[in-house]
Amino acid sequence: MKLYQFIHEPDAKPIYRGTRAEVKADAKEVAAKLRFASRIYEINMNTDKDALVLLLNKGEPVNATVVRSWSVTPRGGLSELEA
């Protein structure tokens, strides 16, 4: 299953969403001058999406594989990072 992890500050707790559109909306809420430190990761996991999003947002540790990652531009767009 594909999920998206959003980290808006280096020491912040990650936020998990089910679609890239949802996580991009979260990224746009971060102040433009702070977006350079934000990262979005597409991760693969094997489970039910709704149960997993709830579990991850409560801070439970899980094993996941990062497939792709993005930085957030000052205008709120996504710029894919090379692996």
Protein backbone atom coordinates (compact mmCIF):
# COMPACT_ATOMS: atom_id res chain seq x y z
CA MET A 1 0.00 0.00 0.00
CA LYS A 2 1.22 3.46 -0.87
CA LEU A 3 1.16 6.18 1.80
CA TYR A 4 2.73 9.63 2.08
CA GLN A 5 4.75 10.90 5.04
CA PHE A 6 5.12 14.67 5.56
CA ILE A 7 7.80 16.19 7.78
CA HIS A 8 7.67 19.99 7.98
CA GLU A 9 10.57 20.51 10.40
CA PRO A 10 13.65 18.34 11.01
CA ASP A 11 12.55 17.43 14.57
CA ALA A 12 8.78 17.40 13.97
CA LYS A 13 6.56 14.35 14.29
CA PRO A 14 5.67 13.07 10.80
CA ILE A 15 2.14 13.34 9.42
CA TYR A 16 0.80 10.49 7.28
CA ARG A 17 -1.82 10.80 4.53
CA GLY A 18 -3.36 8.44 1.99
CA THR A 19 -2.90 10.59 -1.13
CA ARG A 20 -0.29 12.97 -2.50
CA ALA A 21 -2.98 15.66 -2.86
CA GLU A 22 -3.71 15.51 0.89
CA VAL A 23 -0.06 15.78 1.87
CA LYS A 24 0.52 18.60 -0.63
CA ALA A 25 -2.36 20.52 0.99
CA ASP A 26 -0.62 20.04 4.37
CA ALA A 27 2.63 21.35 2.86
CA LYS A 28 0.92 24.48 1.55
CA GLU A 29 -0.17 25.34 5.11
CA VAL A 30 3.47 25.69 6.18
CA ALA A 31 4.75 29.28 5.97
CA ALA A 32 6.57 29.90 2.66
CA LYS A 33 9.86 30.81 4.34
CA LEU A 34 9.87 27.49 6.24
CA ARG A 35 8.99 25.17 3.33
CA PHE A 36 12.62 24.60 2.29
CA ALA A 37 13.04 22.19 5.24
CA SER A 38 9.82 20.25 4.50
CA ARG A 39 10.00 16.76 3.01
CA ILE A 40 7.39 14.39 1.63
CA TYR A 41 8.07 10.67 1.28
CA GLU A 42 6.09 8.08 -0.64
CA ILE A 43 6.32 4.86 1.35
CA ASN A 44 5.15 1.28 0.71
CA MET A 45 3.45 -0.75 3.44
CA ASN A 46 1.25 -3.84 3.46
CA THR A 47 -1.97 -3.17 5.41
CA ASP A 48 -5.39 -1.45 5.33
CA LYS A 49 -4.90 2.25 4.54
CA ASP A 50 -7.37 3.76 7.04
CA ALA A 51 -6.11 1.63 9.92
CA LEU A 52 -2.50 2.36 9.06
CA VAL A 53 -2.96 6.15 8.80
CA LEU A 54 -4.63 6.15 12.22
CA LEU A 55 -1.88 3.99 13.68
CA LEU A 56 0.96 6.08 12.25
CA ASN A 57 -0.52 9.41 13.33
CA LYS A 58 -0.54 8.09 16.91
CA GLY A 59 3.24 7.65 16.69
CA GLU A 60 3.50 3.88 16.44
CA PRO A 61 6.77 2.64 14.88
CA VAL A 62 6.46 0.74 11.60
CA ASN A 63 8.76 -0.62 8.94
CA ALA A 64 8.38 1.06 5.58
CA THR A 65 10.26 1.41 2.32
CA VAL A 66 10.73 4.91 0.89
CA VAL A 67 9.98 4.85 -2.84
CA ARG A 68 10.14 8.54 -3.78
CA SER A 69 10.68 11.83 -1.97
CA TRP A 70 9.96 15.52 -2.59
CA SER A 71 10.93 18.88 -1.18
CA VAL A 72 8.37 21.68 -0.99
CA THR A 73 9.00 24.81 -3.07
CA PRO A 74 8.41 28.32 -1.67
CA ARG A 75 5.19 28.50 -3.71
CA GLY A 76 3.89 25.19 -2.30
CA GLY A 77 4.76 22.94 -5.23
CA LEU A 78 6.60 19.64 -4.99
CA SER A 79 10.09 19.09 -6.37
CA GLU A 80 11.14 15.42 -6.61
CA LEU A 81 14.45 14.58 -4.97
CA GLU A 82 16.84 12.12 -6.58
CA ALA A 83 17.33 8.82 -4.79
